[in-house]
Amino acid sequence: MKENSRYPEEWKEYPSVTQVLSCFVKPGLQEWFKRTPYKNIVKISEEAKEIGTKVNEIIDLYQAGKMVKFKTKYGEKIITATKNYMEWRKQNGFTSYESQVKVMHKSEGYVGTIDRIETDRSGLVIYDWKVSKRFYLSNRMQVIAYKKAYEAHLGKMISKCILVRLDRETLSFDSEKDVE
């Protein structure tokens, strides 16, 4: 399980939330798979994964006050998604609490990494960044699984979960608040 290599050794026997949710059918993607040549599916999937990973890394470096440098053939899309994050942040403002929080739900048997936990008047809030064209049911399921794991693992209650979609093609973003 390559994806679990970033977790502590004793957690590696558990699948990640992302791995578990990859088993679910995504109707919109199924239709796309039917009409898209396989080599294009592979290329587009690899591009989306690299862009999402780089954007998350840039957000983490920015939050830590560090210099951001990156080299990739998808530079323009990464810059666009990152600008969307900056604008979203400016409009919504928050105080950083924790980022890249690793959690385990031992009794349910999964691990995961939460993009960001912030505080607001209601308490702790989970934020999950998505660099994609739309939200999917699996995105909602993922953030709810993170909430359950955080509460079980650390014993702190999460007041709400928010998904933030950062477009990589246009200067736009949106969010789903109070995901349940």
C-alpha atoms as a PDB file:
ATOM      1  CA  MET A   1       0.000   0.000   0.000  1.00  0.00           C
ATOM      2  CA  LYS A   2       2.112   2.854  -1.282  1.00  0.00           C
ATOM      3  CA  GLU A   3      -0.348   5.525  -0.130  1.00  0.00           C
ATOM      4  CA  ASN A   4       0.019   4.440   3.513  1.00  0.00           C
ATOM      5  CA  SER A   5       3.795   4.992   3.490  1.00  0.00           C
ATOM      6  CA  ARG A   6       3.323   8.413   5.098  1.00  0.00           C
ATOM      7  CA  TYR A   7       1.615   6.966   8.208  1.00  0.00           C
ATOM      8  CA  PRO A   8       3.251   5.612  11.369  1.00  0.00           C
ATOM      9  CA  GLU A   9       4.335   1.985  11.065  1.00  0.00           C
ATOM     10  CA  GLU A  10       1.597   0.649  13.360  1.00  0.00           C
ATOM     11  CA  TRP A  11      -1.091   2.289  11.159  1.00  0.00           C
ATOM     12  CA  LYS A  12       0.082   0.793   7.865  1.00  0.00           C
ATOM     13  CA  GLU A  13      -2.166  -2.253   8.168  1.00  0.00           C
ATOM     14  CA  TYR A  14      -5.198   0.023   7.724  1.00  0.00           C
ATOM     15  CA  PRO A  15      -6.410   1.324   4.353  1.00  0.00           C
ATOM     16  CA  SER A  16      -6.757   5.076   3.898  1.00  0.00           C
ATOM     17  CA  VAL A  17     -10.164   6.718   3.528  1.00  0.00           C
ATOM     18  CA  THR A  18      -9.240   7.487  -0.094  1.00  0.00           C
ATOM     19  CA  GLN A  19      -8.445   3.829  -0.783  1.00  0.00           C
ATOM     20  CA  VAL A  20     -11.742   2.673   0.740  1.00  0.00           C
ATOM     21  CA  LEU A  21     -13.777   5.245  -1.204  1.00  0.00           C
ATOM     22  CA  SER A  22     -12.066   4.355  -4.495  1.00  0.00           C
ATOM     23  CA  CYS A  23     -14.171   1.168  -4.427  1.00  0.00           C
ATOM     24  CA  PHE A  24     -17.395   3.159  -4.844  1.00  0.00           C
ATOM     25  CA  VAL A  25     -18.839   3.729  -8.296  1.00  0.00           C
ATOM     26  CA  LYS A  26     -18.895   7.344  -9.470  1.00  0.00           C
ATOM     27  CA  PRO A  27     -21.686   7.564 -12.086  1.00  0.00           C
ATOM     28  CA  GLY A  28     -20.337  10.710 -13.799  1.00  0.00           C
ATOM     29  CA  LEU A  29     -16.902   9.159 -14.161  1.00  0.00           C
ATOM     30  CA  GLN A  30     -18.348   5.914 -15.521  1.00  0.00           C
ATOM     31  CA  GLU A  31     -19.938   7.812 -18.413  1.00  0.00           C
ATOM     32  CA  TRP A  32     -16.666   9.650 -19.029  1.00  0.00           C
ATOM     33  CA  PHE A  33     -14.764   6.321 -19.023  1.00  0.00           C
ATOM     34  CA  LYS A  34     -17.127   4.957 -21.676  1.00  0.00           C
ATOM     35  CA  ARG A  35     -16.476   7.785 -24.124  1.00  0.00           C
ATOM     36  CA  THR A  36     -12.781   8.503 -23.400  1.00  0.00           C
ATOM     37  CA  PRO A  37      -9.855   6.490 -24.817  1.00  0.00           C
ATOM     38  CA  TYR A  38      -7.885   4.648 -22.137  1.00  0.00           C
ATOM     39  CA  LYS A  39      -4.605   6.511 -22.770  1.00  0.00           C
ATOM     40  CA  ASN A  40      -6.444   9.827 -22.282  1.00  0.00           C
ATOM     41  CA  ILE A  41      -7.987   8.565 -19.032  1.00  0.00           C
ATOM     42  CA  VAL A  42      -4.539   7.672 -17.698  1.00  0.00           C
ATOM     43  CA  LYS A  43      -3.028  10.994 -18.808  1.00  0.00           C
ATOM     44  CA  ILE A  44      -5.851  13.117 -17.387  1.00  0.00           C
ATOM     45  CA  SER A  45      -5.945  11.124 -14.123  1.00  0.00           C
ATOM     46  CA  GLU A  46      -2.186  11.514 -13.614  1.00  0.00           C
ATOM     47  CA  GLU A  47      -2.429  15.237 -14.372  1.00  0.00           C
ATOM     48  CA  ALA A  48      -5.293  15.723 -11.910  1.00  0.00           C
ATOM     49  CA  LYS A  49      -3.449  13.824  -9.182  1.00  0.00           C
ATOM     50  CA  GLU A  50      -0.225  15.813  -9.652  1.00  0.00           C
ATOM     51  CA  ILE A  51      -2.059  19.134  -9.724  1.00  0.00           C
ATOM     52  CA  GLY A  52      -4.073  18.303  -6.595  1.00  0.00           C
ATOM     53  CA  THR A  53      -0.974  17.139  -4.738  1.00  0.00           C
ATOM     54  CA  LYS A  54       1.065  20.228  -5.711  1.00  0.00           C
ATOM     55  CA  VAL A  55      -1.744  22.637  -4.792  1.00  0.00           C
ATOM     56  CA  ASN A  56      -2.061  20.986  -1.368  1.00  0.00           C
ATOM     57  CA  GLU A  57       1.722  21.229  -0.872  1.00  0.00           C
ATOM     58  CA  ILE A  58       1.708  24.918  -1.844  1.00  0.00           C
ATOM     59  CA  ILE A  59      -1.167  25.666   0.537  1.00  0.00           C
ATOM     60  CA  ASP A  60       0.706  23.924   3.375  1.00  0.00           C
ATOM     61  CA  LEU A  61       3.926  25.847   2.652  1.00  0.00           C
ATOM     62  CA  TYR A  62       2.006  29.123   2.456  1.00  0.00           C
ATOM     63  CA  GLN A  63       0.268  28.417   5.780  1.00  0.00           C
ATOM     64  CA  ALA A  64       3.679  27.727   7.343  1.00  0.00           C
ATOM     65  CA  GLY A  65       5.039  31.041   5.995  1.00  0.00           C
ATOM     66  CA  LYS A  66       7.595  29.306   3.770  1.00  0.00           C
ATOM     67  CA  MET A  67       8.824  30.132   0.280  1.00  0.00           C
ATOM     68  CA  VAL A  68       6.941  28.305  -2.437  1.00  0.00           C
ATOM     69  CA  LYS A  69       8.898  26.806  -5.343  1.00  0.00           C
ATOM     70  CA  PHE A  70       7.743  24.084  -7.660  1.00  0.00           C
ATOM     71  CA  LYS A  71       8.562  22.615 -11.018  1.00  0.00           C
ATOM     72  CA  THR A  72       5.911  20.875 -13.088  1.00  0.00           C
ATOM     73  CA  LYS A  73       4.523  20.855 -16.582  1.00  0.00           C
ATOM     74  CA  TYR A  74       1.139  21.856 -15.147  1.00  0.00           C
ATOM     75  CA  GLY A  75       2.326  25.198 -13.761  1.00  0.00           C
ATOM     76  CA  GLU A  76      -0.496  27.364 -15.123  1.00  0.00           C
ATOM     77  CA  LYS A  77      -3.233  25.103 -13.729  1.00  0.00           C
ATOM     78  CA  ILE A  78      -1.499  24.933 -10.358  1.00  0.00           C
ATOM     79  CA  ILE A  79      -1.157  28.714 -10.273  1.00  0.00           C
ATOM     80  CA  THR A  80      -4.839  29.120 -11.161  1.00  0.00           C
ATOM     81  CA  ALA A  81      -5.980  26.713  -8.424  1.00  0.00           C
ATOM     82  CA  THR A  82      -3.631  28.381  -5.916  1.00  0.00           C
ATOM     83  CA  LYS A  83      -4.978  31.841  -6.811  1.00  0.00           C
ATOM     84  CA  ASN A  84      -8.468  30.466  -6.190  1.00  0.00           C
ATOM     85  CA  TYR A  85      -7.374  29.310  -2.738  1.00  0.00           C
ATOM     86  CA  MET A  86      -5.892  32.754  -1.975  1.00  0.00           C
ATOM     87  CA  GLU A  87      -9.105  34.478  -3.013  1.00  0.00           C
ATOM     88  CA  TRP A  88     -11.242  32.016  -1.055  1.00  0.00           C
ATOM     89  CA  ARG A  89      -9.034  32.549   2.000  1.00  0.00           C
ATOM     90  CA  LYS A  90      -9.286  36.340   1.646  1.00  0.00           C
ATOM     91  CA  GLN A  91     -13.079  36.176   1.442  1.00  0.00           C
ATOM     92  CA  ASN A  92     -13.507  33.677   4.288  1.00  0.00           C
ATOM     93  CA  GLY A  93     -10.545  34.316   6.568  1.00  0.00           C
ATOM     94  CA  PHE A  94      -9.605  31.879   9.315  1.00  0.00           C
ATOM     95  CA  THR A  95      -6.979  31.146  11.907  1.00  0.00           C
ATOM     96  CA  SER A  96      -4.896  28.094  11.167  1.00  0.00           C
ATOM     97  CA  TYR A  97      -5.068  25.416  13.826  1.00  0.00           C
ATOM     98  CA  GLU A  98      -3.512  22.308  12.254  1.00  0.00           C
ATOM     99  CA  SER A  99      -2.699  21.057   8.770  1.00  0.00           C
ATOM    100  CA  GLN A 100      -2.087  17.606   7.302  1.00  0.00           C
ATOM    101  CA  VAL A 101      -3.513  15.944  10.413  1.00  0.00           C
ATOM    102  CA  LYS A 102      -3.116  12.171  10.369  1.00  0.00           C
ATOM    103  CA  VAL A 103      -5.971  10.299  12.032  1.00  0.00           C
ATOM    104  CA  MET A 104      -6.922   6.680  12.611  1.00  0.00           C
ATOM    105  CA  HIS A 105     -10.291   5.145  13.397  1.00  0.00           C
ATOM    106  CA  LYS A 106      -9.128   1.896  14.920  1.00  0.00           C
ATOM    107  CA  SER A 107     -12.545   0.308  15.512  1.00  0.00           C
ATOM    108  CA  GLU A 108     -13.704   1.125  11.949  1.00  0.00           C
ATOM    109  CA  GLY A 109     -10.313   0.179  10.500  1.00  0.00           C
ATOM    110  CA  TYR A 110      -9.116   3.137   8.433  1.00  0.00           C
ATOM    111  CA  VAL A 111      -6.650   6.032   8.447  1.00  0.00           C
ATOM    112  CA  GLY A 112      -6.650   9.397   6.726  1.00  0.00           C
ATOM    113  CA  THR A 113      -4.987  12.785   6.432  1.00  0.00           C
ATOM    114  CA  ILE A 114      -7.119  15.878   6.982  1.00  0.00           C
ATOM    115  CA  ASP A 115      -6.054  18.848   4.837  1.00  0.00           C
ATOM    116  CA  ARG A 116      -6.770  21.494   7.445  1.00  0.00           C
ATOM    117  CA  ILE A 117      -8.475  22.029  10.789  1.00  0.00           C
ATOM    118  CA  GLU A 118      -9.400  25.585  11.674  1.00  0.00           C
ATOM    119  CA  THR A 119     -11.344  27.249  14.435  1.00  0.00           C
ATOM    120  CA  ASP A 120     -14.337  29.515  14.186  1.00  0.00           C
ATOM    121  CA  ARG A 121     -17.058  30.607  16.622  1.00  0.00           C
ATOM    122  CA  SER A 122     -18.651  27.153  16.489  1.00  0.00           C
ATOM    123  CA  GLY A 123     -15.434  25.275  17.351  1.00  0.00           C
ATOM    124  CA  LEU A 124     -13.160  23.041  15.276  1.00  0.00           C
ATOM    125  CA  VAL A 125     -13.826  22.887  11.536  1.00  0.00           C
ATOM    126  CA  ILE A 126     -12.412  20.392   9.026  1.00  0.00           C
ATOM    127  CA  TYR A 127     -11.539  21.819   5.604  1.00  0.00           C
ATOM    128  CA  ASP A 128     -10.804  19.578   2.667  1.00  0.00           C
ATOM    129  CA  TRP A 129      -9.458  21.076  -0.572  1.00  0.00           C
ATOM    130  CA  LYS A 130     -10.578  19.582  -3.878  1.00  0.00           C
ATOM    131  CA  VAL A 131      -8.950  20.620  -7.147  1.00  0.00           C
ATOM    132  CA  SER A 132     -11.691  19.404  -9.477  1.00  0.00           C
ATOM    133  CA  LYS A 133     -14.558  20.411 -11.725  1.00  0.00           C
ATOM    134  CA  ARG A 134     -17.258  19.431  -9.204  1.00  0.00           C
ATOM    135  CA  PHE A 135     -17.939  17.848  -5.841  1.00  0.00           C
ATOM    136  CA  TYR A 136     -18.681  14.129  -5.692  1.00  0.00           C
ATOM    137  CA  LEU A 137     -20.510  12.031  -3.100  1.00  0.00           C
ATOM    138  CA  SER A 138     -17.160  10.414  -2.277  1.00  0.00           C
ATOM    139  CA  ASN A 139     -15.805  13.865  -1.287  1.00  0.00           C
ATOM    140  CA  ARG A 140     -18.600  14.205   1.262  1.00  0.00           C
ATOM    141  CA  MET A 141     -18.062  10.661   2.521  1.00  0.00           C
ATOM    142  CA  GLN A 142     -14.323  11.313   2.849  1.00  0.00           C
ATOM    143  CA  VAL A 143     -14.671  14.421   4.999  1.00  0.00           C
ATOM    144  CA  ILE A 144     -17.284  12.740   7.214  1.00  0.00           C
ATOM    145  CA  ALA A 145     -14.916   9.775   7.689  1.00  0.00           C
ATOM    146  CA  TYR A 146     -12.174  12.240   8.678  1.00  0.00           C
ATOM    147  CA  LYS A 147     -14.528  13.818  11.236  1.00  0.00           C
ATOM    148  CA  LYS A 148     -15.406  10.451  12.775  1.00  0.00           C
ATOM    149  CA  ALA A 149     -11.730   9.411  12.899  1.00  0.00           C
ATOM    150  CA  TYR A 150     -10.584  12.728  14.423  1.00  0.00           C
ATOM    151  CA  GLU A 151     -13.215  12.536  17.138  1.00  0.00           C
ATOM    152  CA  ALA A 152     -12.478   8.859  17.881  1.00  0.00           C
ATOM    153  CA  HIS A 153      -8.695   9.220  17.702  1.00  0.00           C
ATOM    154  CA  LEU A 154      -8.177  12.543  19.480  1.00  0.00           C
ATOM    155  CA  GLY A 155     -11.356  12.859  21.522  1.00  0.00           C
ATOM    156  CA  LYS A 156     -12.093  16.394  20.315  1.00  0.00           C
ATOM    157  CA  MET A 157     -15.419  17.238  18.706  1.00  0.00           C
ATOM    158  CA  ILE A 158     -15.601  18.714  15.205  1.00  0.00           C
ATOM    159  CA  SER A 159     -18.379  21.297  14.828  1.00  0.00           C
ATOM    160  CA  LYS A 160     -18.595  21.131  11.021  1.00  0.00           C
ATOM    161  CA  CYS A 161     -16.909  19.996   7.813  1.00  0.00           C
ATOM    162  CA  ILE A 162     -16.391  22.186   4.763  1.00  0.00           C
ATOM    163  CA  LEU A 163     -15.361  21.123   1.272  1.00  0.00           C
ATOM    164  CA  VAL A 164     -13.629  23.774  -0.842  1.00  0.00           C
ATOM    165  CA  ARG A 165     -13.382  23.234  -4.611  1.00  0.00           C
ATOM    166  CA  LEU A 166     -10.540  25.094  -6.332  1.00  0.00           C
ATOM    167  CA  ASP A 167     -10.918  25.179 -10.101  1.00  0.00           C
ATOM    168  CA  ARG A 168      -7.713  24.620 -12.075  1.00  0.00           C
ATOM    169  CA  GLU A 169      -8.957  26.057 -15.379  1.00  0.00           C
ATOM    170  CA  THR A 170     -10.675  29.297 -14.364  1.00  0.00           C
ATOM    171  CA  LEU A 171     -10.400  31.767 -11.507  1.00  0.00           C
ATOM    172  CA  SER A 172     -13.301  30.325  -9.539  1.00  0.00           C
ATOM    173  CA  PHE A 173     -13.993  28.337  -6.416  1.00  0.00           C
ATOM    174  CA  ASP A 174     -16.939  27.225  -4.353  1.00  0.00           C
ATOM    175  CA  SER A 175     -17.590  25.421  -1.113  1.00  0.00           C
ATOM    176  CA  GLU A 176     -20.040  23.105   0.567  1.00  0.00           C
ATOM    177  CA  LYS A 177     -20.517  24.017   4.182  1.00  0.00           C
ATOM    178  CA  ASP A 178     -21.838  21.823   6.975  1.00  0.00           C
ATOM    179  CA  VAL A 179     -21.247  18.608   5.022  1.00  0.00           C
ATOM    180  CA  GLU A 180     -23.138  15.725   6.654  1.00  0.00           C
END
